[in-house]
Amino acid sequence: MGKFLTIADVAEHLAVSAGQVRTLIRNGEIPAIQVGGRGQWRIDEDELEKYIEAGYAVTRKRIADHEI
């Protein structure tokens, strides 16, 4: 298990807004857990890397299928 990241960490890593990261969490695209009394979201860095790798795989397929 990797280090846990905040929504802000993930947003910075992906160069998107925190709201976009929350949407990815809500849609189940990035697995996350809520911790603490205030329910702060945390994302395992290994799960983030899996999400990124899956994105690359989709892009490679689109290129191969000439969808881009």
N, C-alpha and C. Protein backbone atom coordinates (compact mmCIF):
# COMPACT_ATOMS: atom_id res chain seq x y z
N MET A 1 0.85 -1.17 0.00
CA MET A 1 0.00 0.00 0.00
C MET A 1 0.89 1.23 0.00
N GLY A 2 0.52 2.18 -0.84
CA GLY A 2 1.31 3.40 -0.96
C GLY A 2 0.89 4.46 0.03
N LYS A 3 1.44 5.60 -0.16
CA LYS A 3 1.14 6.77 0.66
C LYS A 3 -0.26 7.28 0.30
N PHE A 4 -0.97 7.82 1.28
CA PHE A 4 -2.28 8.39 1.03
C PHE A 4 -2.15 9.86 0.64
N LEU A 5 -2.92 10.25 -0.36
CA LEU A 5 -2.90 11.60 -0.88
C LEU A 5 -4.23 12.30 -0.61
N THR A 6 -4.19 13.61 -0.49
CA THR A 6 -5.42 14.39 -0.34
C THR A 6 -6.00 14.69 -1.73
N ILE A 7 -7.21 15.19 -1.75
CA ILE A 7 -7.82 15.61 -3.01
C ILE A 7 -6.94 16.68 -3.66
N ALA A 8 -6.43 17.60 -2.88
CA ALA A 8 -5.56 18.66 -3.42
C ALA A 8 -4.30 18.07 -4.04
N ASP A 9 -3.71 17.07 -3.39
CA ASP A 9 -2.52 16.41 -3.94
C ASP A 9 -2.82 15.80 -5.30
N VAL A 10 -3.94 15.08 -5.37
CA VAL A 10 -4.32 14.40 -6.61
C VAL A 10 -4.64 15.43 -7.70
N ALA A 11 -5.34 16.49 -7.34
CA ALA A 11 -5.66 17.54 -8.31
C ALA A 11 -4.38 18.13 -8.89
N GLU A 12 -3.41 18.40 -8.04
CA GLU A 12 -2.14 18.96 -8.51
C GLU A 12 -1.42 17.96 -9.41
N HIS A 13 -1.42 16.71 -9.01
CA HIS A 13 -0.73 15.66 -9.78
C HIS A 13 -1.33 15.51 -11.18
N LEU A 14 -2.67 15.60 -11.26
CA LEU A 14 -3.36 15.43 -12.54
C LEU A 14 -3.56 16.75 -13.29
N ALA A 15 -3.20 17.86 -12.65
CA ALA A 15 -3.39 19.20 -13.24
C ALA A 15 -4.87 19.45 -13.56
N VAL A 16 -5.73 19.13 -12.59
CA VAL A 16 -7.17 19.37 -12.69
C VAL A 16 -7.62 20.04 -11.40
N SER A 17 -8.90 20.41 -11.34
CA SER A 17 -9.42 21.04 -10.13
C SER A 17 -9.77 19.99 -9.07
N ALA A 18 -9.89 20.44 -7.83
CA ALA A 18 -10.32 19.56 -6.75
C ALA A 18 -11.73 19.04 -7.02
N GLY A 19 -12.56 19.87 -7.62
CA GLY A 19 -13.92 19.44 -7.97
C GLY A 19 -13.91 18.30 -8.96
N GLN A 20 -13.01 18.34 -9.91
CA GLN A 20 -12.90 17.25 -10.88
C GLN A 20 -12.46 15.95 -10.20
N VAL A 21 -11.57 16.06 -9.23
CA VAL A 21 -11.14 14.87 -8.48
C VAL A 21 -12.33 14.31 -7.69
N ARG A 22 -13.11 15.18 -7.07
CA ARG A 22 -14.29 14.71 -6.33
C ARG A 22 -15.26 13.98 -7.26
N THR A 23 -15.42 14.49 -8.47
CA THR A 23 -16.28 13.82 -9.45
C THR A 23 -15.73 12.44 -9.80
N LEU A 24 -14.42 12.34 -10.00
CA LEU A 24 -13.82 11.04 -10.28
C LEU A 24 -14.03 10.06 -9.14
N ILE A 25 -13.99 10.56 -7.91
CA ILE A 25 -14.24 9.72 -6.74
C ILE A 25 -15.71 9.28 -6.73
N ARG A 26 -16.62 10.25 -6.90
CA ARG A 26 -18.06 9.93 -6.90
C ARG A 26 -18.43 8.92 -7.98
N ASN A 27 -17.80 9.05 -9.16
CA ASN A 27 -18.08 8.15 -10.27
C ASN A 27 -17.41 6.79 -10.12
N GLY A 28 -16.57 6.65 -9.09
CA GLY A 28 -15.89 5.38 -8.87
C GLY A 28 -14.67 5.19 -9.75
N GLU A 29 -14.25 6.23 -10.45
CA GLU A 29 -13.09 6.11 -11.33
C GLU A 29 -11.78 6.06 -10.55
N ILE A 30 -11.74 6.77 -9.43
CA ILE A 30 -10.58 6.72 -8.54
C ILE A 30 -11.08 6.26 -7.17
N PRO A 31 -10.65 5.08 -6.72
CA PRO A 31 -11.05 4.61 -5.39
C PRO A 31 -10.50 5.52 -4.30
N ALA A 32 -11.31 5.79 -3.29
CA ALA A 32 -10.89 6.65 -2.19
C ALA A 32 -11.61 6.21 -0.92
N ILE A 33 -11.07 6.63 0.21
CA ILE A 33 -11.70 6.36 1.50
C ILE A 33 -11.89 7.68 2.24
N GLN A 34 -12.85 7.68 3.13
CA GLN A 34 -13.03 8.84 4.01
C GLN A 34 -12.48 8.48 5.38
N VAL A 35 -11.73 9.40 5.95
CA VAL A 35 -11.10 9.17 7.25
C VAL A 35 -11.41 10.32 8.19
N GLY A 36 -11.34 10.03 9.46
CA GLY A 36 -11.51 11.06 10.47
C GLY A 36 -12.94 11.48 10.68
N GLY A 37 -13.15 12.28 11.69
CA GLY A 37 -14.47 12.74 12.07
C GLY A 37 -15.14 13.63 11.03
N ARG A 38 -14.34 14.32 10.24
CA ARG A 38 -14.90 15.21 9.22
C ARG A 38 -14.99 14.54 7.86
N GLY A 39 -14.62 13.27 7.78
CA GLY A 39 -14.74 12.52 6.53
C GLY A 39 -13.87 13.02 5.40
N GLN A 40 -12.64 13.36 5.71
CA GLN A 40 -11.70 13.83 4.69
C GLN A 40 -11.36 12.68 3.73
N TRP A 41 -11.37 12.96 2.44
CA TRP A 41 -11.06 11.95 1.44
C TRP A 41 -9.56 11.74 1.33
N ARG A 42 -9.18 10.46 1.16
CA ARG A 42 -7.78 10.10 0.93
C ARG A 42 -7.73 9.08 -0.19
N ILE A 43 -6.72 9.23 -1.05
CA ILE A 43 -6.54 8.36 -2.20
C ILE A 43 -5.16 7.73 -2.09
N ASP A 44 -5.13 6.40 -2.16
CA ASP A 44 -3.86 5.68 -2.13
C ASP A 44 -3.10 6.00 -3.41
N GLU A 45 -1.83 6.35 -3.30
CA GLU A 45 -1.06 6.72 -4.49
C GLU A 45 -0.98 5.57 -5.49
N ASP A 46 -1.02 4.32 -5.01
CA ASP A 46 -1.01 3.18 -5.93
C ASP A 46 -2.28 3.16 -6.77
N GLU A 47 -3.42 3.52 -6.17
CA GLU A 47 -4.68 3.58 -6.90
C GLU A 47 -4.65 4.71 -7.93
N LEU A 48 -4.04 5.81 -7.58
CA LEU A 48 -3.90 6.91 -8.53
C LEU A 48 -3.05 6.47 -9.71
N GLU A 49 -1.97 5.78 -9.46
CA GLU A 49 -1.12 5.29 -10.54
C GLU A 49 -1.88 4.31 -11.44
N LYS A 50 -2.73 3.46 -10.86
CA LYS A 50 -3.56 2.55 -11.66
C LYS A 50 -4.51 3.34 -12.55
N TYR A 51 -5.11 4.39 -12.02
CA TYR A 51 -6.01 5.24 -12.79
C TYR A 51 -5.27 5.86 -13.97
N ILE A 52 -4.07 6.36 -13.72
CA ILE A 52 -3.28 6.98 -14.77
C ILE A 52 -2.91 5.96 -15.83
N GLU A 53 -2.46 4.79 -15.42
CA GLU A 53 -2.09 3.74 -16.38
C GLU A 53 -3.29 3.32 -17.21
N ALA A 54 -4.47 3.22 -16.59
CA ALA A 54 -5.69 2.88 -17.33
C ALA A 54 -5.99 3.95 -18.37
N GLY A 55 -5.77 5.22 -18.02
CA GLY A 55 -5.97 6.31 -18.96
C GLY A 55 -5.05 6.20 -20.16
N TYR A 56 -3.80 5.84 -19.90
CA TYR A 56 -2.86 5.64 -21.00
C TYR A 56 -3.31 4.49 -21.89
N ALA A 57 -3.80 3.41 -21.30
CA ALA A 57 -4.25 2.26 -22.07
C ALA A 57 -5.42 2.64 -22.98
N VAL A 58 -6.37 3.40 -22.45
CA VAL A 58 -7.51 3.85 -23.25
C VAL A 58 -7.03 4.72 -24.41
N THR A 59 -6.09 5.62 -24.13
CA THR A 59 -5.57 6.49 -25.17
C THR A 59 -4.86 5.69 -26.25
N ARG A 60 -4.04 4.72 -25.84
CA ARG A 60 -3.34 3.88 -26.82
C ARG A 60 -4.34 3.16 -27.72
N LYS A 61 -5.43 2.64 -27.13
CA LYS A 61 -6.45 1.94 -27.92
C LYS A 61 -7.14 2.89 -28.89
N ARG A 62 -7.48 4.07 -28.43
CA ARG A 62 -8.12 5.06 -29.32
C ARG A 62 -7.22 5.41 -30.49
N ILE A 63 -5.92 5.57 -30.22
CA ILE A 63 -4.98 5.88 -31.29
C ILE A 63 -4.91 4.71 -32.26
N ALA A 64 -4.81 3.51 -31.73
CA ALA A 64 -4.72 2.32 -32.57
C ALA A 64 -5.98 2.14 -33.42
N ASP A 65 -7.13 2.51 -32.87
CA ASP A 65 -8.41 2.41 -33.57
C ASP A 65 -8.72 3.64 -34.41
N HIS A 66 -7.78 4.59 -34.44
CA HIS A 66 -7.92 5.84 -35.19
C HIS A 66 -9.13 6.65 -34.76
N GLU A 67 -9.39 6.66 -33.46
CA GLU A 67 -10.52 7.43 -32.93
C GLU A 67 -10.11 8.84 -32.54
N ILE A 68 -8.84 9.14 -32.63
CA ILE A 68 -8.38 10.50 -32.26
C ILE A 68 -8.07 11.27 -33.51
